[in-house]
Amino acid sequence: MVKNMDGLTCKVCGTHHDVFGGNDVEALAAAADVELLGSVPIAPEVRFGGDAGKPVVEAEPASAPATAFRAIAEKVKGLLAATSVGGDAFETCTEEEIEI
């Protein structure tokens, strides 16, 4: 499970605003007995990159959402590798080959 649109951080003062309130996703993940893989903040650069066809991880790799997406992808990669036959299904691919 991924918490999407996890609040908005003001680029001027740095204050984090929990626009949708609460931590319901954490409780939902616990109740469903699934791992919360991470959270992605609300950030205009995600939409801008999507509209331009350039993912935020490529367009603004140091941004908070890009960092969040990469962390979630690494967790998914680890979970998939742990369940793949031989456990090394992703070890032969480079980032360029899988276009991350």
PDB file of N, CA and C in Angstrom:
ATOM      1  N   MET A   1       0.851  -1.154   0.000  1.00  0.00           N
ATOM      2  CA  MET A   1       0.000   0.000   0.000  1.00  0.00           C
ATOM      3  C   MET A   1       0.905   1.227   0.000  1.00  0.00           C
ATOM      4  N   VAL A   2       0.485   2.259  -0.727  1.00  0.00           N
ATOM      5  CA  VAL A   2       1.224   3.519  -0.802  1.00  0.00           C
ATOM      6  C   VAL A   2       0.284   4.655  -0.438  1.00  0.00           C
ATOM      7  N   LYS A   3       0.768   5.519   0.414  1.00  0.00           N
ATOM      8  CA  LYS A   3      -0.009   6.709   0.785  1.00  0.00           C
ATOM      9  C   LYS A   3       0.296   7.791  -0.244  1.00  0.00           C
ATOM     10  N   ASN A   4      -0.669   8.077  -1.091  1.00  0.00           N
ATOM     11  CA  ASN A   4      -0.521   9.074  -2.145  1.00  0.00           C
ATOM     12  C   ASN A   4      -1.058  10.417  -1.663  1.00  0.00           C
ATOM     13  N   MET A   5      -0.494  11.485  -2.193  1.00  0.00           N
ATOM     14  CA  MET A   5      -0.895  12.850  -1.848  1.00  0.00           C
ATOM     15  C   MET A   5      -0.822  13.069  -0.338  1.00  0.00           C
ATOM     16  N   ASP A   6       0.342  12.693   0.220  1.00  0.00           N
ATOM     17  CA  ASP A   6       0.561  12.763   1.663  1.00  0.00           C
ATOM     18  C   ASP A   6       0.954  14.179   2.083  1.00  0.00           C
ATOM     19  N   GLY A   7       0.010  15.054   2.040  1.00  0.00           N
ATOM     20  CA  GLY A   7       0.234  16.418   2.495  1.00  0.00           C
ATOM     21  C   GLY A   7       1.033  17.261   1.528  1.00  0.00           C
ATOM     22  N   LEU A   8       1.115  18.518   1.879  1.00  0.00           N
ATOM     23  CA  LEU A   8       1.760  19.523   1.047  1.00  0.00           C
ATOM     24  C   LEU A   8       2.735  20.294   1.917  1.00  0.00           C
ATOM     25  N   THR A   9       3.971  20.413   1.461  1.00  0.00           N
ATOM     26  CA  THR A   9       4.971  21.173   2.200  1.00  0.00           C
ATOM     27  C   THR A   9       5.169  22.513   1.522  1.00  0.00           C
ATOM     28  N   CYS A  10       5.015  23.578   2.287  1.00  0.00           N
ATOM     29  CA  CYS A  10       5.179  24.934   1.770  1.00  0.00           C
ATOM     30  C   CYS A  10       6.634  25.151   1.387  1.00  0.00           C
ATOM     31  N   LYS A  11       6.868  25.576   0.148  1.00  0.00           N
ATOM     32  CA  LYS A  11       8.232  25.803  -0.322  1.00  0.00           C
ATOM     33  C   LYS A  11       8.829  27.076   0.260  1.00  0.00           C
ATOM     34  N   VAL A  12       8.004  27.913   0.878  1.00  0.00           N
ATOM     35  CA  VAL A  12       8.495  29.157   1.471  1.00  0.00           C
ATOM     36  C   VAL A  12       8.908  28.938   2.926  1.00  0.00           C
ATOM     37  N   CYS A  13       7.988  28.399   3.735  1.00  0.00           N
ATOM     38  CA  CYS A  13       8.270  28.271   5.169  1.00  0.00           C
ATOM     39  C   CYS A  13       8.634  26.860   5.604  1.00  0.00           C
ATOM     40  N   GLY A  14       8.395  25.858   4.737  1.00  0.00           N
ATOM     41  CA  GLY A  14       8.732  24.482   5.075  1.00  0.00           C
ATOM     42  C   GLY A  14       7.701  23.755   5.919  1.00  0.00           C
ATOM     43  N   THR A  15       6.588  24.426   6.229  1.00  0.00           N
ATOM     44  CA  THR A  15       5.547  23.795   7.038  1.00  0.00           C
ATOM     45  C   THR A  15       4.824  22.723   6.235  1.00  0.00           C
ATOM     46  N   HIS A  16       4.631  21.558   6.863  1.00  0.00           N
ATOM     47  CA  HIS A  16       3.898  20.459   6.228  1.00  0.00           C
ATOM     48  C   HIS A  16       2.421  20.572   6.601  1.00  0.00           C
ATOM     49  N   HIS A  17       1.563  20.572   5.599  1.00  0.00           N
ATOM     50  CA  HIS A  17       0.114  20.667   5.809  1.00  0.00           C
ATOM     51  C   HIS A  17      -0.525  19.339   5.420  1.00  0.00           C
ATOM     52  N   ASP A  18      -1.183  18.710   6.375  1.00  0.00           N
ATOM     53  CA  ASP A  18      -1.862  17.443   6.126  1.00  0.00           C
ATOM     54  C   ASP A  18      -3.245  17.763   5.564  1.00  0.00           C
ATOM     55  N   VAL A  19      -3.298  17.991   4.262  1.00  0.00           N
ATOM     56  CA  VAL A  19      -4.495  18.477   3.577  1.00  0.00           C
ATOM     57  C   VAL A  19      -5.699  17.562   3.779  1.00  0.00           C
ATOM     58  N   PHE A  20      -5.481  16.259   3.774  1.00  0.00           N
ATOM     59  CA  PHE A  20      -6.591  15.320   3.859  1.00  0.00           C
ATOM     60  C   PHE A  20      -6.813  14.779   5.263  1.00  0.00           C
ATOM     61  N   GLY A  21      -6.004  15.214   6.209  1.00  0.00           N
ATOM     62  CA  GLY A  21      -6.201  14.874   7.613  1.00  0.00           C
ATOM     63  C   GLY A  21      -5.828  13.464   7.986  1.00  0.00           C
ATOM     64  N   GLY A  22      -5.293  13.351   9.171  1.00  0.00           N
ATOM     65  CA  GLY A  22      -5.086  12.060   9.813  1.00  0.00           C
ATOM     66  C   GLY A  22      -4.120  11.110   9.152  1.00  0.00           C
ATOM     67  N   ASN A  23      -3.981   9.970   9.781  1.00  0.00           N
ATOM     68  CA  ASN A  23      -3.127   8.896   9.298  1.00  0.00           C
ATOM     69  C   ASN A  23      -3.953   7.647   9.034  1.00  0.00           C
ATOM     70  N   ASP A  24      -5.056   7.820   8.356  1.00  0.00           N
ATOM     71  CA  ASP A  24      -5.954   6.696   8.097  1.00  0.00           C
ATOM     72  C   ASP A  24      -5.293   5.584   7.288  1.00  0.00           C
ATOM     73  N   VAL A  25      -4.338   5.922   6.440  1.00  0.00           N
ATOM     74  CA  VAL A  25      -3.699   4.908   5.605  1.00  0.00           C
ATOM     75  C   VAL A  25      -2.901   3.935   6.467  1.00  0.00           C
ATOM     76  N   GLU A  26      -2.228   4.447   7.477  1.00  0.00           N
ATOM     77  CA  GLU A  26      -1.471   3.567   8.363  1.00  0.00           C
ATOM     78  C   GLU A  26      -2.403   2.574   9.057  1.00  0.00           C
ATOM     79  N   ALA A  27      -3.524   3.059   9.537  1.00  0.00           N
ATOM     80  CA  ALA A  27      -4.500   2.184  10.203  1.00  0.00           C
ATOM     81  C   ALA A  27      -5.095   1.182   9.217  1.00  0.00           C
ATOM     82  N   LEU A  28      -5.373   1.629   8.009  1.00  0.00           N
ATOM     83  CA  LEU A  28      -5.925   0.750   6.981  1.00  0.00           C
ATOM     84  C   LEU A  28      -4.931  -0.353   6.620  1.00  0.00           C
ATOM     85  N   ALA A  29      -3.659   0.014   6.460  1.00  0.00           N
ATOM     86  CA  ALA A  29      -2.633  -0.985   6.144  1.00  0.00           C
ATOM     87  C   ALA A  29      -2.519  -2.007   7.273  1.00  0.00           C
ATOM     88  N   ALA A  30      -2.539  -1.527   8.510  1.00  0.00           N
ATOM     89  CA  ALA A  30      -2.451  -2.437   9.658  1.00  0.00           C
ATOM     90  C   ALA A  30      -3.660  -3.359   9.714  1.00  0.00           C
ATOM     91  N   ALA A  31      -4.843  -2.805   9.490  1.00  0.00           N
ATOM     92  CA  ALA A  31      -6.064  -3.610   9.530  1.00  0.00           C
ATOM     93  C   ALA A  31      -6.090  -4.656   8.418  1.00  0.00           C
ATOM     94  N   ALA A  32      -5.512  -4.307   7.261  1.00  0.00           N
ATOM     95  CA  ALA A  32      -5.481  -5.228   6.123  1.00  0.00           C
ATOM     96  C   ALA A  32      -4.274  -6.166   6.179  1.00  0.00           C
ATOM     97  N   ASP A  33      -3.412  -5.950   7.177  1.00  0.00           N
ATOM     98  CA  ASP A  33      -2.202  -6.740   7.345  1.00  0.00           C
ATOM     99  C   ASP A  33      -1.333  -6.696   6.094  1.00  0.00           C
ATOM    100  N   VAL A  34      -1.155  -5.477   5.569  1.00  0.00           N
ATOM    101  CA  VAL A  34      -0.265  -5.260   4.425  1.00  0.00           C
ATOM    102  C   VAL A  34       0.762  -4.199   4.807  1.00  0.00           C
ATOM    103  N   GLU A  35       1.886  -4.253   4.135  1.00  0.00           N
ATOM    104  CA  GLU A  35       2.954  -3.301   4.416  1.00  0.00           C
ATOM    105  C   GLU A  35       2.654  -1.953   3.775  1.00  0.00           C
ATOM    106  N   LEU A  36       2.883  -0.893   4.523  1.00  0.00           N
ATOM    107  CA  LEU A  36       2.817   0.456   3.967  1.00  0.00           C
ATOM    108  C   LEU A  36       4.195   0.722   3.378  1.00  0.00           C
ATOM    109  N   LEU A  37       4.274   0.766   2.060  1.00  0.00           N
ATOM    110  CA  LEU A  37       5.557   0.875   1.371  1.00  0.00           C
ATOM    111  C   LEU A  37       6.154   2.274   1.426  1.00  0.00           C
ATOM    112  N   GLY A  38       5.323   3.263   1.633  1.00  0.00           N
ATOM    113  CA  GLY A  38       5.816   4.633   1.696  1.00  0.00           C
ATOM    114  C   GLY A  38       4.717   5.614   1.396  1.00  0.00           C
ATOM    115  N   SER A  39       5.120   6.867   1.306  1.00  0.00           N
ATOM    116  CA  SER A  39       4.154   7.913   1.013  1.00  0.00           C
ATOM    117  C   SER A  39       4.751   8.897   0.021  1.00  0.00           C
ATOM    118  N   VAL A  40       3.892   9.473  -0.797  1.00  0.00           N
ATOM    119  CA  VAL A  40       4.302  10.432  -1.814  1.00  0.00           C
ATOM    120  C   VAL A  40       3.593  11.747  -1.532  1.00  0.00           C
ATOM    121  N   PRO A  41       4.349  12.821  -1.362  1.00  0.00           N
ATOM    122  CA  PRO A  41       3.723  14.105  -1.055  1.00  0.00           C
ATOM    123  C   PRO A  41       3.039  14.721  -2.276  1.00  0.00           C
ATOM    124  N   ILE A  42       2.119  15.622  -2.009  1.00  0.00           N
ATOM    125  CA  ILE A  42       1.529  16.423  -3.081  1.00  0.00           C
ATOM    126  C   ILE A  42       2.615  17.376  -3.552  1.00  0.00           C
ATOM    127  N   ALA A  43       2.884  17.400  -4.836  1.00  0.00           N
ATOM    128  CA  ALA A  43       3.909  18.288  -5.369  1.00  0.00           C
ATOM    129  C   ALA A  43       3.598  18.603  -6.823  1.00  0.00           C
ATOM    130  N   PRO A  44       3.562  19.873  -7.169  1.00  0.00           N
ATOM    131  CA  PRO A  44       3.248  20.254  -8.547  1.00  0.00           C
ATOM    132  C   PRO A  44       4.190  19.644  -9.578  1.00  0.00           C
ATOM    133  N   GLU A  45       5.445  19.407  -9.201  1.00  0.00           N
ATOM    134  CA  GLU A  45       6.396  18.877 -10.172  1.00  0.00           C
ATOM    135  C   GLU A  45       6.019  17.483 -10.665  1.00  0.00           C
ATOM    136  N   VAL A  46       5.238  16.734  -9.888  1.00  0.00           N
ATOM    137  CA  VAL A  46       4.780  15.426 -10.351  1.00  0.00           C
ATOM    138  C   VAL A  46       3.834  15.606 -11.534  1.00  0.00           C
ATOM    139  N   ARG A  47       2.892  16.526 -11.401  1.00  0.00           N
ATOM    140  CA  ARG A  47       1.964  16.796 -12.506  1.00  0.00           C
ATOM    141  C   ARG A  47       2.682  17.398 -13.705  1.00  0.00           C
ATOM    142  N   PHE A  48       3.578  18.351 -13.453  1.00  0.00           N
ATOM    143  CA  PHE A  48       4.295  18.985 -14.558  1.00  0.00           C
ATOM    144  C   PHE A  48       5.074  17.950 -15.359  1.00  0.00           C
ATOM    145  N   GLY A  49       5.761  17.067 -14.656  1.00  0.00           N
ATOM    146  CA  GLY A  49       6.518  16.026 -15.345  1.00  0.00           C
ATOM    147  C   GLY A  49       5.620  15.061 -16.087  1.00  0.00           C
ATOM    148  N   GLY A  50       4.498  14.706 -15.463  1.00  0.00           N
ATOM    149  CA  GLY A  50       3.544  13.816 -16.135  1.00  0.00           C
ATOM    150  C   GLY A  50       2.987  14.428 -17.403  1.00  0.00           C
ATOM    151  N   ASP A  51       2.633  15.704 -17.323  1.00  0.00           N
ATOM    152  CA  ASP A  51       2.098  16.399 -18.506  1.00  0.00           C
ATOM    153  C   ASP A  51       3.137  16.486 -19.621  1.00  0.00           C
ATOM    154  N   ALA A  52       4.400  16.619 -19.236  1.00  0.00           N
ATOM    155  CA  ALA A  52       5.474  16.756 -20.218  1.00  0.00           C
ATOM    156  C   ALA A  52       6.027  15.402 -20.676  1.00  0.00           C
ATOM    157  N   GLY A  53       5.549  14.316 -20.059  1.00  0.00           N
ATOM    158  CA  GLY A  53       6.041  12.996 -20.421  1.00  0.00           C
ATOM    159  C   GLY A  53       7.419  12.703 -19.849  1.00  0.00           C
ATOM    160  N   LYS A  54       7.800  13.420 -18.806  1.00  0.00           N
ATOM    161  CA  LYS A  54       9.104  13.219 -18.166  1.00  0.00           C
ATOM    162  C   LYS A  54       8.872  13.015 -16.679  1.00  0.00           C
ATOM    163  N   PRO A  55       9.001  11.783 -16.189  1.00  0.00           N
ATOM    164  CA  PRO A  55       8.725  11.498 -14.782  1.00  0.00           C
ATOM    165  C   PRO A  55       9.559  12.368 -13.848  1.00  0.00           C
ATOM    166  N   VAL A  56       9.006  12.659 -12.692  1.00  0.00           N
ATOM    167  CA  VAL A  56       9.679  13.516 -11.727  1.00  0.00           C
ATOM    168  C   VAL A  56      11.015  12.916 -11.284  1.00  0.00           C
ATOM    169  N   VAL A  57      11.148  11.605 -11.300  1.00  0.00           N
ATOM    170  CA  VAL A  57      12.424  10.993 -10.913  1.00  0.00           C
ATOM    171  C   VAL A  57      13.526  11.316 -11.912  1.00  0.00           C
ATOM    172  N   GLU A  58      13.136  11.662 -13.114  1.00  0.00           N
ATOM    173  CA  GLU A  58      14.106  12.063 -14.135  1.00  0.00           C
ATOM    174  C   GLU A  58      14.230  13.583 -14.196  1.00  0.00           C
ATOM    175  N   ALA A  59      13.098  14.270 -14.153  1.00  0.00           N
ATOM    176  CA  ALA A  59      13.095  15.728 -14.302  1.00  0.00           C
ATOM    177  C   ALA A  59      13.673  16.438 -13.084  1.00  0.00           C
ATOM    178  N   GLU A  60      13.335  15.955 -11.890  1.00  0.00           N
ATOM    179  CA  GLU A  60      13.801  16.579 -10.646  1.00  0.00           C
ATOM    180  C   GLU A  60      14.181  15.480  -9.645  1.00  0.00           C
ATOM    181  N   PRO A  61      15.284  14.780  -9.921  1.00  0.00           N
ATOM    182  CA  PRO A  61      15.644  13.612  -9.128  1.00  0.00           C
ATOM    183  C   PRO A  61      15.902  13.877  -7.644  1.00  0.00           C
ATOM    184  N   ALA A  62      16.214  15.098  -7.282  1.00  0.00           N
ATOM    185  CA  ALA A  62      16.490  15.416  -5.873  1.00  0.00           C
ATOM    186  C   ALA A  62      15.236  15.847  -5.112  1.00  0.00           C
ATOM    187  N   SER A  63      14.110  15.941  -5.801  1.00  0.00           N
ATOM    188  CA  SER A  63      12.879  16.410  -5.162  1.00  0.00           C
ATOM    189  C   SER A  63      12.318  15.372  -4.198  1.00  0.00           C
ATOM    190  N   ALA A  64      11.479  15.846  -3.281  1.00  0.00           N
ATOM    191  CA  ALA A  64      10.860  14.946  -2.297  1.00  0.00           C
ATOM    192  C   ALA A  64      10.032  13.842  -2.951  1.00  0.00           C
ATOM    193  N   PRO A  65       9.191  14.161  -3.956  1.00  0.00           N
ATOM    194  CA  PRO A  65       8.421  13.061  -4.552  1.00  0.00           C
ATOM    195  C   PRO A  65       9.302  12.060  -5.299  1.00  0.00           C
ATOM    196  N   ALA A  66      10.358  12.525  -5.959  1.00  0.00           N
ATOM    197  CA  ALA A  66      11.255  11.603  -6.662  1.00  0.00           C
ATOM    198  C   ALA A  66      11.935  10.669  -5.669  1.00  0.00           C
ATOM    199  N   THR A  67      12.378  11.224  -4.553  1.00  0.00           N
ATOM    200  CA  THR A  67      13.001  10.417  -3.511  1.00  0.00           C
ATOM    201  C   THR A  67      12.007   9.390  -2.973  1.00  0.00           C
ATOM    202  N   ALA A  68      10.772   9.805  -2.775  1.00  0.00           N
ATOM    203  CA  ALA A  68       9.734   8.893  -2.277  1.00  0.00           C
ATOM    204  C   ALA A  68       9.450   7.777  -3.280  1.00  0.00           C
ATOM    205  N   PHE A  69       9.317   8.125  -4.555  1.00  0.00           N
ATOM    206  CA  PHE A  69       9.054   7.112  -5.584  1.00  0.00           C
ATOM    207  C   PHE A  69      10.193   6.097  -5.655  1.00  0.00           C
ATOM    208  N   ARG A  70      11.443   6.570  -5.590  1.00  0.00           N
ATOM    209  CA  ARG A  70      12.578   5.645  -5.650  1.00  0.00           C
ATOM    210  C   ARG A  70      12.605   4.720  -4.434  1.00  0.00           C
ATOM    211  N   ALA A  71      12.320   5.251  -3.262  1.00  0.00           N
ATOM    212  CA  ALA A  71      12.306   4.428  -2.046  1.00  0.00           C
ATOM    213  C   ALA A  71      11.228   3.352  -2.132  1.00  0.00           C
ATOM    214  N   ILE A  72      10.065   3.723  -2.628  1.00  0.00           N
ATOM    215  CA  ILE A  72       8.970   2.755  -2.785  1.00  0.00           C
ATOM    216  C   ILE A  72       9.349   1.704  -3.824  1.00  0.00           C
ATOM    217  N   ALA A  73       9.944   2.138  -4.929  1.00  0.00           N
ATOM    218  CA  ALA A  73      10.357   1.202  -5.976  1.00  0.00           C
ATOM    219  C   ALA A  73      11.384   0.206  -5.446  1.00  0.00           C
ATOM    220  N   GLU A  74      12.309   0.676  -4.615  1.00  0.00           N
ATOM    221  CA  GLU A  74      13.308  -0.224  -4.024  1.00  0.00           C
ATOM    222  C   GLU A  74      12.648  -1.251  -3.114  1.00  0.00           C
ATOM    223  N   LYS A  75      11.647  -0.823  -2.341  1.00  0.00           N
ATOM    224  CA  LYS A  75      10.933  -1.772  -1.479  1.00  0.00           C
ATOM    225  C   LYS A  75      10.207  -2.814  -2.315  1.00  0.00           C
ATOM    226  N   VAL A  76       9.551  -2.373  -3.383  1.00  0.00           N
ATOM    227  CA  VAL A  76       8.838  -3.305  -4.267  1.00  0.00           C
ATOM    228  C   VAL A  76       9.831  -4.267  -4.906  1.00  0.00           C
ATOM    229  N   LYS A  77      10.943  -3.733  -5.361  1.00  0.00           N
ATOM    230  CA  LYS A  77      11.980  -4.573  -5.969  1.00  0.00           C
ATOM    231  C   LYS A  77      12.440  -5.649  -4.983  1.00  0.00           C
ATOM    232  N   GLY A  78      12.661  -5.256  -3.742  1.00  0.00           N
ATOM    233  CA  GLY A  78      13.079  -6.220  -2.724  1.00  0.00           C
ATOM    234  C   GLY A  78      12.034  -7.274  -2.464  1.00  0.00           C
ATOM    235  N   LEU A  79      10.775  -6.853  -2.391  1.00  0.00           N
ATOM    236  CA  LEU A  79       9.694  -7.811  -2.159  1.00  0.00           C
ATOM    237  C   LEU A  79       9.557  -8.780  -3.327  1.00  0.00           C
ATOM    238  N   LEU A  80       9.665  -8.275  -4.552  1.00  0.00           N
ATOM    239  CA  LEU A  80       9.558  -9.137  -5.727  1.00  0.00           C
ATOM    240  C   LEU A  80      10.743 -10.090  -5.817  1.00  0.00           C
ATOM    241  N   ALA A  81      11.924  -9.584  -5.544  1.00  0.00           N
ATOM    242  CA  ALA A  81      13.117 -10.437  -5.609  1.00  0.00           C
ATOM    243  C   ALA A  81      13.032 -11.564  -4.588  1.00  0.00           C
ATOM    244  N   ALA A  82      12.462 -11.266  -3.440  1.00  0.00           N
ATOM    245  CA  ALA A  82      12.345 -12.279  -2.391  1.00  0.00           C
ATOM    246  C   ALA A  82      11.360 -13.380  -2.763  1.00  0.00           C
ATOM    247  N   THR A  83      10.433 -13.085  -3.666  1.00  0.00           N
ATOM    248  CA  THR A  83       9.436 -14.079  -4.047  1.00  0.00           C
ATOM    249  C   THR A  83       9.708 -14.692  -5.415  1.00  0.00           C
ATOM    250  N   SER A  84      10.699 -14.188  -6.149  1.00  0.00           N
ATOM    251  CA  SER A  84      11.009 -14.709  -7.477  1.00  0.00           C
ATOM    252  C   SER A  84      11.788 -16.007  -7.382  1.00  0.00           C
ATOM    253  N   VAL A  85      11.651 -16.835  -8.381  1.00  0.00           N
ATOM    254  CA  VAL A  85      12.411 -18.076  -8.437  1.00  0.00           C
ATOM    255  C   VAL A  85      13.896 -17.710  -8.492  1.00  0.00           C
ATOM    256  N   GLY A  86      14.646 -18.210  -7.571  1.00  0.00           N
ATOM    257  CA  GLY A  86      16.073 -17.909  -7.521  1.00  0.00           C
ATOM    258  C   GLY A  86      16.379 -16.593  -6.843  1.00  0.00           C
ATOM    259  N   GLY A  87      15.395 -15.746  -6.642  1.00  0.00           N
ATOM    260  CA  GLY A  87      15.581 -14.497  -5.934  1.00  0.00           C
ATOM    261  C   GLY A  87      16.389 -13.447  -6.661  1.00  0.00           C
ATOM    262  N   ASP A  88      16.729 -13.656  -7.936  1.00  0.00           N
ATOM    263  CA  ASP A  88      17.578 -12.687  -8.618  1.00  0.00           C
ATOM    264  C   ASP A  88      16.977 -12.206  -9.936  1.00  0.00           C
ATOM    265  N   ALA A  89      15.675 -12.168 -10.021  1.00  0.00           N
ATOM    266  CA  ALA A  89      15.019 -11.797 -11.268  1.00  0.00           C
ATOM    267  C   ALA A  89      15.385 -10.392 -11.726  1.00  0.00           C
ATOM    268  N   PHE A  90      15.759  -9.509 -10.804  1.00  0.00           N
ATOM    269  CA  PHE A  90      16.037  -8.129 -11.165  1.00  0.00           C
ATOM    270  C   PHE A  90      17.519  -7.801 -11.152  1.00  0.00           C
ATOM    271  N   GLU A  91      18.336  -8.740 -10.785  1.00  0.00           N
ATOM    272  CA  GLU A  91      19.761  -8.476 -10.656  1.00  0.00           C
ATOM    273  C   GLU A  91      20.461  -8.307 -11.997  1.00  0.00           C
ATOM    274  N   THR A  92      19.868  -8.766 -13.087  1.00  0.00           N
ATOM    275  CA  THR A  92      20.532  -8.696 -14.376  1.00  0.00           C
ATOM    276  C   THR A  92      20.169  -7.444 -15.164  1.00  0.00           C
ATOM    277  N   CYS A  93      19.249  -6.633 -14.675  1.00  0.00           N
ATOM    278  CA  CYS A  93      18.812  -5.432 -15.378  1.00  0.00           C
ATOM    279  C   CYS A  93      19.478  -4.194 -14.783  1.00  0.00           C
ATOM    280  N   THR A  94      19.892  -3.304 -15.659  1.00  0.00           N
ATOM    281  CA  THR A  94      20.401  -2.006 -15.205  1.00  0.00           C
ATOM    282  C   THR A  94      19.242  -1.026 -15.168  1.00  0.00           C
ATOM    283  N   GLU A  95      19.437   0.114 -14.515  1.00  0.00           N
ATOM    284  CA  GLU A  95      18.388   1.130 -14.476  1.00  0.00           C
ATOM    285  C   GLU A  95      18.025   1.592 -15.874  1.00  0.00           C
ATOM    286  N   GLU A  96      19.018   1.686 -16.759  1.00  0.00           N
ATOM    287  CA  GLU A  96      18.771   2.122 -18.137  1.00  0.00           C
ATOM    288  C   GLU A  96      17.881   1.123 -18.870  1.00  0.00           C
ATOM    289  N   GLU A  97      18.120  -0.165 -18.613  1.00  0.00           N
ATOM    290  CA  GLU A  97      17.344  -1.206 -19.287  1.00  0.00           C
ATOM    291  C   GLU A  97      15.881  -1.211 -18.864  1.00  0.00           C
ATOM    292  N   ILE A  98      15.617  -0.873 -17.604  1.00  0.00           N
ATOM    293  CA  ILE A  98      14.240  -0.875 -17.147  1.00  0.00           C
ATOM    294  C   ILE A  98      13.668   0.541 -17.078  1.00  0.00           C
ATOM    295  N   GLU A  99      14.428   1.505 -17.583  1.00  0.00           N
ATOM    296  CA  GLU A  99      14.008   2.892 -17.732  1.00  0.00           C
ATOM    297  C   GLU A  99      13.475   3.507 -16.451  1.00  0.00           C
ATOM    298  N   ILE A 100      14.240   3.426 -15.386  1.00  0.00           N
ATOM    299  CA  ILE A 100      13.855   4.081 -14.134  1.00  0.00           C
ATOM    300  C   ILE A 100      14.288   5.519 -14.211  1.00  0.00           C
TER     301      ILE A 100
END
